[in-house]
Protein backbone atom coordinates (compact mmCIF):
# COMPACT_ATOMS: atom_id res chain seq x y z
CA MET A 1 15.23 34.16 9.84
CA GLU A 2 11.54 33.21 9.87
CA SER A 3 9.13 35.32 7.86
CA SER A 4 6.23 36.77 9.86
CA SER A 5 3.90 35.67 7.09
CA LEU A 6 4.67 32.04 8.05
CA SER A 7 4.00 32.40 11.78
CA TRP A 8 0.86 30.34 11.34
CA MET A 9 3.01 27.34 10.49
CA LYS A 10 4.70 27.52 13.90
CA ASP A 11 1.33 27.71 15.60
CA GLU A 12 0.04 24.67 13.70
CA LEU A 13 3.16 22.64 14.45
CA GLN A 14 2.85 23.47 18.14
CA ALA A 15 -0.81 22.45 18.07
CA LEU A 16 0.15 19.10 16.52
CA GLU A 17 2.84 18.63 19.17
CA ALA A 18 0.33 19.26 21.95
CA LYS A 19 -1.97 16.56 20.51
CA SER A 20 0.90 14.04 20.04
CA ARG A 21 0.38 14.22 16.28
CA ARG A 22 3.51 15.97 15.07
CA ARG A 23 5.55 13.84 12.70
CA SER A 24 9.25 14.05 11.87
CA LEU A 25 11.80 12.36 9.65
CA VAL A 26 14.56 10.11 10.93
CA ILE A 27 17.63 8.73 9.22
CA SER A 28 17.39 4.99 8.58
CA GLU A 29 19.13 2.27 6.59
CA PRO A 30 17.98 -1.29 5.90
CA LEU A 31 20.12 -4.21 7.10
CA GLU A 32 19.94 -7.91 6.42
CA SER A 33 17.50 -10.40 8.00
CA GLY A 34 14.78 -7.91 8.80
CA TRP A 35 16.91 -5.45 10.80
CA MET A 36 17.62 -1.77 10.21
CA LEU A 37 19.63 1.19 11.46
CA ARG A 38 17.34 3.93 12.76
CA ASP A 39 18.95 7.08 14.11
CA GLY A 40 22.20 5.11 14.19
CA ARG A 41 20.80 2.29 16.33
CA ARG A 42 20.26 -1.31 15.21
CA MET A 43 16.58 -2.28 15.47
CA LEU A 44 14.33 -5.12 14.39
CA ASN A 45 12.46 -3.70 11.41
CA LEU A 46 8.71 -4.10 12.01
CA ALA A 47 7.86 -0.88 10.14
CA SER A 48 8.70 -1.57 6.50
CA ASN A 49 6.54 -2.61 3.54
CA ASP A 50 9.51 -4.53 2.11
CA TYR A 51 7.63 -7.76 2.73
CA LEU A 52 9.94 -10.09 0.80
CA GLY A 53 13.14 -8.27 1.76
CA LEU A 54 14.06 -7.40 -1.83
CA ALA A 55 14.73 -3.71 -1.22
CA ALA A 56 17.26 -4.43 1.54
CA ARG A 57 19.36 -7.10 -0.10
CA ASN A 58 22.85 -5.81 -0.82
CA ASP A 59 23.85 -8.65 -3.15
CA ARG A 60 20.81 -8.00 -5.32
CA ALA A 61 21.48 -4.24 -5.26
CA GLU A 62 25.01 -4.81 -6.52
CA ARG A 63 23.69 -6.95 -9.41
CA SER A 64 21.20 -4.22 -10.22
CA LEU A 65 23.96 -1.64 -10.50
CA GLY A 66 25.66 -3.81 -13.09
CA ALA A 67 22.46 -4.44 -15.02
CA ASN A 68 21.60 -0.73 -15.00
CA ARG A 69 24.88 0.52 -16.45
CA GLY A 70 23.56 0.58 -19.98
CA ALA A 71 20.25 2.24 -19.09
CA SER A 72 19.57 5.99 -19.02
CA ARG A 73 19.19 7.66 -15.65
CA GLY A 74 16.27 9.87 -16.71
CA ALA A 75 13.43 9.66 -19.23
CA GLY A 76 13.59 13.34 -20.17
CA ALA A 77 9.85 14.04 -20.41
CA SER A 78 6.45 12.42 -20.36
CA ARG A 79 5.86 9.43 -22.63
CA LEU A 80 3.43 11.43 -24.78
CA VAL A 81 6.26 13.85 -25.52
CA THR A 82 9.43 11.77 -25.88
CA GLY A 83 7.77 8.44 -26.66
CA THR A 84 7.91 5.11 -24.87
CA GLY A 85 11.17 3.23 -24.43
CA VAL A 86 11.44 -0.34 -25.65
CA GLU A 87 12.08 -1.57 -22.09
CA VAL A 88 8.91 0.11 -20.83
CA ALA A 89 6.78 -1.25 -23.66
CA GLU A 90 8.08 -4.78 -23.10
CA LEU A 91 7.56 -4.62 -19.35
CA GLU A 92 3.97 -3.40 -19.75
CA GLU A 93 3.18 -6.13 -22.28
CA GLN A 94 4.73 -8.87 -20.17
CA PHE A 95 3.27 -7.63 -16.89
CA ALA A 96 -0.20 -7.52 -18.45
CA ALA A 97 0.18 -11.19 -19.39
CA TYR A 98 1.32 -11.91 -15.82
CA LYS A 99 -1.78 -10.19 -14.43
CA GLY A 100 -4.05 -11.91 -16.96
CA THR A 101 -5.16 -8.70 -18.67
CA GLU A 102 -4.88 -7.24 -22.15
CA GLY A 103 -3.06 -4.11 -21.12
CA CYS A 104 -0.94 -2.48 -18.46
CA LEU A 105 0.15 1.14 -17.95
CA LEU A 106 2.97 2.26 -15.65
CA PHE A 107 2.66 5.26 -13.31
CA GLY A 108 5.22 7.12 -11.17
CA SER A 109 3.82 5.83 -7.86
CA GLY A 110 0.73 4.29 -6.32
CA TYR A 111 -0.44 7.71 -5.21
CA MET A 112 -0.08 9.08 -8.75
CA ALA A 113 -1.95 6.10 -10.14
CA ASN A 114 -4.94 6.53 -7.83
CA ILE A 115 -5.24 10.29 -8.26
CA GLY A 116 -4.99 9.81 -12.03
CA VAL A 117 -7.16 6.78 -12.62
CA ILE A 118 -10.23 7.69 -10.57
CA PRO A 119 -10.79 11.12 -12.18
CA ALA A 120 -10.21 9.48 -15.57
CA VAL A 121 -13.14 7.06 -15.18
CA VAL A 122 -15.67 9.12 -13.18
CA GLY A 123 -16.58 12.79 -13.04
CA ARG A 124 -18.97 15.35 -11.64
CA ASP A 125 -22.12 13.54 -12.74
CA ASP A 126 -21.03 10.11 -11.44
CA VAL A 127 -20.88 8.35 -8.06
CA VAL A 128 -18.07 6.49 -6.28
CA PHE A 129 -18.65 3.89 -3.55
CA SER A 130 -15.60 3.72 -1.32
CA ASP A 131 -14.76 1.61 1.77
CA ARG A 132 -14.31 3.90 4.79
CA LEU A 133 -10.82 2.55 5.41
CA ASN A 134 -9.51 3.02 1.88
CA HIS A 135 -6.03 4.53 1.49
CA ALA A 136 -5.65 8.32 1.42
CA SER A 137 -4.61 8.24 -2.24
CA ILE A 138 -7.96 6.69 -3.14
CA VAL A 139 -9.78 9.38 -1.13
CA ASP A 140 -7.81 12.13 -2.85
CA GLY A 141 -8.47 10.62 -6.27
CA ILE A 142 -12.19 10.68 -5.57
CA VAL A 143 -12.03 14.32 -4.43
CA LEU A 144 -10.19 15.28 -7.62
CA SER A 145 -12.80 13.46 -9.74
CA ARG A 146 -15.59 15.67 -8.28
CA ALA A 147 -17.85 12.62 -8.36
CA GLU A 148 -20.40 12.09 -5.61
CA LEU A 149 -18.79 10.10 -2.78
CA ARG A 150 -20.69 7.47 -0.85
CA ARG A 151 -18.62 5.76 1.83
CA TYR A 152 -19.75 2.41 3.12
CA ARG A 153 -18.77 0.89 6.46
CA HIS A 154 -15.59 -1.17 6.35
CA ARG A 155 -16.29 -4.35 4.33
CA ASP A 156 -20.06 -3.91 4.84
CA THR A 157 -21.45 -5.24 1.58
CA ASN A 158 -25.02 -5.02 2.84
CA GLN A 159 -24.75 -1.26 3.25
CA LEU A 160 -22.98 -1.02 -0.08
CA GLU A 161 -25.83 -2.87 -1.79
CA ASP A 162 -28.37 -0.44 -0.26
CA MET A 163 -26.32 2.45 -1.65
CA LEU A 164 -26.11 0.86 -5.08
CA LYS A 165 -29.84 0.29 -5.14
CA ALA A 166 -30.47 3.95 -4.32
CA ALA A 167 -28.07 5.28 -6.94
CA SER A 168 -29.48 6.70 -10.17
CA SER A 169 -29.25 4.27 -13.09
CA SER A 170 -28.20 7.17 -15.31
CA LYS A 171 -24.96 7.78 -13.39
CA ARG A 172 -21.66 6.04 -14.00
CA LYS A 173 -20.86 4.00 -10.88
CA LEU A 174 -17.44 2.97 -9.52
CA ILE A 175 -16.76 0.74 -6.52
CA VAL A 176 -13.20 1.18 -5.26
CA THR A 177 -11.42 -0.75 -2.52
CA ASP A 178 -8.04 -1.75 -1.19
CA SER A 179 -7.48 -5.48 -1.44
CA ILE A 180 -5.58 -5.45 1.88
CA PHE A 181 -6.13 -2.48 4.17
CA SER A 182 -2.76 -1.07 5.11
CA MET A 183 -3.51 0.05 8.67
CA ASP A 184 -5.72 -2.86 9.78
CA GLY A 185 -4.46 -5.96 7.96
CA THR A 186 -8.00 -6.85 6.89
CA ILE A 187 -8.89 -8.30 3.49
CA ALA A 188 -11.61 -6.92 1.18
CA PRO A 189 -14.59 -9.17 0.32
CA LEU A 190 -13.64 -9.19 -3.35
CA ARG A 191 -16.00 -11.97 -4.44
CA GLU A 192 -18.98 -10.14 -2.95
CA LEU A 193 -17.86 -6.86 -4.51
CA VAL A 194 -17.67 -8.50 -7.94
CA TRP A 195 -21.18 -9.88 -7.49
CA LEU A 196 -22.53 -6.46 -6.50
CA LYS A 197 -20.84 -4.55 -9.28
CA GLU A 198 -22.19 -6.98 -11.89
CA ARG A 199 -25.69 -6.91 -10.48
CA TYR A 200 -25.88 -3.09 -10.31
CA GLY A 201 -23.88 -2.19 -13.40
CA ALA A 202 -20.86 -0.65 -11.66
CA MET A 203 -17.15 -0.72 -12.41
CA LEU A 204 -14.75 -2.18 -9.83
CA MET A 205 -11.30 -0.84 -9.04
CA VAL A 206 -9.05 -2.78 -6.66
CA ASP A 207 -5.81 -1.39 -5.17
CA GLU A 208 -3.43 -4.34 -4.73
CA ALA A 209 -0.57 -2.36 -3.22
CA HIS A 210 -0.28 -4.64 -0.15
CA SER A 211 -1.25 -7.94 -1.82
CA GLY A 212 0.77 -7.74 -5.02
CA GLY A 213 3.73 -10.12 -4.92
CA LEU A 214 2.27 -12.00 -1.92
CA TYR A 215 -0.82 -13.78 -3.24
CA GLY A 216 -1.42 -15.81 -6.39
CA THR A 217 0.60 -18.69 -7.81
CA THR A 218 3.59 -16.45 -8.63
CA GLY A 219 2.61 -13.31 -6.75
CA GLN A 220 0.10 -11.83 -9.18
CA GLY A 221 -2.07 -10.65 -6.28
CA LEU A 222 -5.24 -11.42 -4.42
CA ILE A 223 -7.48 -10.91 -7.48
CA HIS A 224 -5.64 -13.64 -9.30
CA GLU A 225 -5.65 -15.98 -6.29
CA LEU A 226 -9.44 -15.69 -6.07
CA GLY A 227 -9.91 -16.25 -9.84
CA LEU A 228 -11.46 -12.82 -10.39
CA THR A 229 -9.11 -11.38 -13.01
CA GLU A 230 -11.73 -11.10 -15.74
CA GLN A 231 -14.29 -9.52 -13.40
CA VAL A 232 -12.23 -6.57 -12.16
CA GLU A 233 -12.07 -3.68 -14.64
CA LEU A 234 -9.23 -1.79 -12.95
CA GLN A 235 -6.38 -3.57 -11.18
CA MET A 236 -3.94 -1.12 -9.62
CA GLY A 237 -0.75 -2.03 -7.75
CA THR A 238 2.67 -0.81 -6.78
CA PHE A 239 6.29 -1.92 -7.16
CA SER A 240 7.27 -0.23 -3.88
CA LYS A 241 6.23 -2.88 -1.38
CA ALA A 242 6.70 -6.62 -1.95
CA TYR A 243 8.47 -5.86 -5.23
CA GLY A 244 11.04 -3.78 -3.32
CA ALA A 245 11.41 -1.05 -5.96
CA TYR A 246 9.29 1.97 -6.94
CA GLY A 247 6.50 2.87 -9.34
CA ALA A 248 3.02 1.54 -9.99
CA TYR A 249 0.83 -0.05 -12.64
CA VAL A 250 -2.80 -0.24 -13.72
CA ALA A 251 -3.86 -3.42 -15.51
CA GLY A 252 -7.05 -3.94 -17.47
CA SER A 253 -8.40 -4.13 -20.99
CA MET A 254 -6.67 -2.35 -23.88
CA MET A 255 -9.58 0.05 -23.94
CA VAL A 256 -8.90 0.92 -20.32
CA LYS A 257 -5.22 1.49 -21.10
CA GLU A 258 -5.97 3.72 -24.09
CA SER A 259 -8.50 5.70 -22.07
CA LEU A 260 -6.00 6.30 -19.26
CA ILE A 261 -3.32 7.40 -21.71
CA ASN A 262 -5.74 10.09 -22.88
CA GLN A 263 -7.48 10.97 -19.62
CA ALA A 264 -5.24 10.31 -16.58
CA ARG A 265 -3.57 13.65 -15.84
CA SER A 266 -0.95 12.20 -13.50
CA PHE A 267 0.23 10.06 -16.44
CA ILE A 268 -0.04 12.69 -19.14
CA TYR A 269 1.74 15.45 -17.30
CA SER A 270 4.48 13.49 -15.50
CA THR A 271 7.95 12.53 -16.64
CA ALA A 272 8.18 8.82 -17.41
CA LEU A 273 9.87 6.40 -15.03
CA PRO A 274 13.67 6.35 -15.42
CA PRO A 275 14.93 3.50 -17.65
CA GLN A 276 17.29 2.39 -14.90
CA LEU A 277 14.29 1.90 -12.61
CA ILE A 278 12.54 -0.19 -15.27
CA VAL A 279 15.53 -2.54 -15.25
CA THR A 280 15.33 -2.80 -11.46
CA ILE A 281 11.59 -3.47 -11.48
CA ARG A 282 12.07 -6.25 -14.01
CA GLU A 283 14.85 -7.86 -11.96
CA HIS A 284 12.78 -7.70 -8.76
CA TRP A 285 9.76 -9.09 -10.56
CA ILE A 286 11.76 -12.16 -11.62
CA GLU A 287 12.61 -12.75 -7.94
CA VAL A 288 9.00 -12.21 -6.83
CA LYS A 289 7.74 -14.86 -9.24
CA ALA A 290 10.21 -17.39 -7.77
CA ALA A 291 9.46 -16.49 -4.13
CA SER A 292 6.85 -19.16 -3.32
CA LEU A 293 8.70 -20.28 -0.19
CA ALA A 294 9.16 -16.72 1.02
CA ARG A 295 5.44 -16.07 0.61
CA GLU A 296 4.63 -19.17 2.67
CA GLN A 297 7.15 -18.15 5.35
CA LEU A 298 5.66 -14.66 5.55
CA GLN A 299 2.13 -15.98 6.14
CA TYR A 300 3.36 -18.48 8.73
CA LYS A 301 5.33 -15.83 10.65
CA ALA A 302 2.48 -13.34 10.50
CA ALA A 303 0.05 -15.94 11.91
CA PHE A 304 2.53 -16.73 14.68
CA VAL A 305 2.85 -13.08 15.71
CA ARG A 306 -0.91 -12.41 15.51
CA ASP A 307 -1.84 -15.51 17.53
CA SER A 308 0.95 -14.96 20.08
CA LEU A 309 -0.09 -11.35 20.73
CA ARG A 310 -3.77 -12.30 21.02
CA ASP A 311 -2.85 -15.05 23.49
CA ARG A 312 -1.21 -12.37 25.62
CA GLY A 313 -4.29 -10.14 25.54
CA VAL A 314 -2.96 -7.65 23.01
CA GLN A 315 -5.61 -6.04 20.81
CA VAL A 316 -4.68 -6.64 17.17
CA GLY A 317 -8.09 -5.95 15.65
CA LEU A 318 -9.28 -8.17 12.81
CA SER A 319 -5.89 -8.57 11.18
CA GLU A 320 -5.63 -11.63 8.93
CA CYS A 321 -2.35 -11.08 7.11
CA HIS A 322 1.18 -9.68 7.36
CA ILE A 323 -0.01 -6.27 8.63
CA ILE A 324 -0.79 -6.34 12.36
CA PRO A 325 -2.09 -3.30 14.29
CA VAL A 326 -1.49 -3.13 18.03
CA ILE A 327 -4.39 -0.86 18.96
CA VAL A 328 -3.71 1.30 22.03
CA GLY A 329 -6.36 4.04 21.70
CA SER A 330 -4.94 7.46 22.49
CA ASP A 331 -2.38 9.27 20.40
CA ALA A 332 -0.14 9.92 23.42
CA ASN A 333 -0.11 6.22 24.35
CA ALA A 334 0.84 5.24 20.82
CA VAL A 335 3.74 7.72 20.73
CA ARG A 336 5.00 6.58 24.17
CA MET A 337 4.81 2.93 23.17
CA ALA A 338 6.63 3.50 19.88
CA ASP A 339 9.40 5.38 21.74
CA ARG A 340 9.67 2.60 24.31
CA LEU A 341 9.86 -0.10 21.65
CA GLN A 342 12.62 1.76 19.87
CA GLN A 343 14.54 2.03 23.15
CA LEU A 344 14.26 -1.77 23.34
CA GLY A 345 15.50 -2.17 19.76
CA ILE A 346 12.24 -2.56 17.80
CA ALA A 347 11.37 -0.18 14.97
CA ALA A 348 7.58 0.11 15.01
CA VAL A 349 5.74 3.30 14.20
CA ALA A 350 2.85 5.07 15.96
CA ILE A 351 -0.08 5.54 13.57
CA ARG A 352 -2.48 8.32 14.56
CA PRO A 353 -5.40 10.26 13.09
CA PRO A 354 -6.09 11.29 10.40
CA THR A 355 -4.47 8.10 9.09
CA VAL A 356 -6.77 6.05 11.34
CA PRO A 357 -10.09 6.98 13.06
CA GLU A 358 -10.12 8.95 16.27
CA GLY A 359 -9.50 6.84 19.36
CA THR A 360 -7.85 4.01 17.44
CA ALA A 361 -4.20 5.08 17.46
CA ARG A 362 -1.94 2.08 17.09
CA ILE A 363 1.48 0.59 16.56
CA ARG A 364 1.56 -0.84 13.07
CA LEU A 365 3.61 -4.02 12.77
CA THR A 366 4.61 -5.30 9.32
CA LEU A 367 6.22 -8.68 8.90
CA MET A 368 8.97 -9.67 6.46
CA SER A 369 9.62 -13.16 5.14
CA GLU A 370 13.23 -13.00 6.27
CA HIS A 371 12.51 -12.21 9.95
CA ALA A 372 14.05 -14.90 12.14
CA MET A 373 11.58 -16.73 14.38
CA ASP A 374 13.75 -16.12 17.45
CA ASP A 375 13.65 -12.40 16.74
CA LEU A 376 9.87 -12.49 16.39
CA ARG A 377 9.46 -14.44 19.65
CA TRP A 378 11.56 -11.81 21.41
CA ALA A 379 9.58 -8.98 19.80
CA VAL A 380 6.24 -10.48 20.85
CA GLU A 381 7.35 -10.54 24.48
CA GLN A 382 8.60 -6.94 24.33
CA ILE A 383 5.43 -5.70 22.70
CA ALA A 384 3.14 -7.51 25.12
CA ALA A 385 5.16 -6.13 28.06
CA CYS A 386 4.90 -2.58 26.69
CA VAL A 387 1.14 -2.92 26.26
CA ALA A 388 0.83 -4.16 29.84
CA GLU A 389 2.92 -1.26 31.11
CA GLY A 390 0.72 1.21 29.22
CA GLU A 391 -2.46 -0.25 30.66
CA ALA A 392 -1.01 0.01 34.15
CA ASP A 393 -0.15 3.73 33.78
């Protein structure tokens, strides 16, 4: 029986429903070759961040179960209480070398990393310069820091420079950006950001959640591919996307690592990652480093889908990678199109405000290296037909 004190929840849910913004959970299960079961129906999976297909591979999962048998299922407490396991210490040391940094610190998730790191490096008397399309976890980390927030237009380094010029020289300054923007598929101008942060005495933090595993000689990320490792003070990334596991890391100097151990509340007050998960992360990381062909295939397939949709008049924004937004405008249109695609056998999700700006609701397509080209050709035709139907309504 519902409590009368919670009646406001019902009202808010009904209001979200009326605006086509109510969200709900569905039962799903990954299958092979870029397919999934969603609500018991087989669909082409164009909704996952499992870009290299590592999370869905049953043969790898079975090997992981064997490798994990000797590892504990839980860490018991935070690392500052129970200590750091040998497996964790080795992974951090080796992953730091992989990223080209002195140190690396593991966090429970990308969200926990961002809400812990940003308040650890800036505070009430400081200023943060943030791209307007940065991920929600970055926004929340800035709010928790209580630093002054100055948002610059998406990838507009001219506006950012004007803001940096106007900032007090006495304040600590942090520029923070996604490397790849998760709802638009655009890439940050990292070289220009490095130039600006060095000229105006700022720190630079880059979230590589959607580029880690996919760029660089062995998947180190976009920072590494551009040769900027030594110029970026804070490299953050996750193991939950191309790495197909869970957890996150922050890589930087040993001084950065020691500072975060002492200042990042989401690290200090959280139970450490389970040892079994550390084993899985390591195993996936080995596969990521060897996945050069899969990375090439992903970029080729993403370019094919982008170009094919554009040729058919579909609006895909400025996408330049494996994330492709099909922009339809209204929330109701996005929901209808997502439902229609699922009826046709394509799992693609409607993305609405506040995740994206008002009037830019979209279907977010994410490519996987293991998608078959025939499946993608079929999907392009279905998506283009759905867009045409929506425009005719």
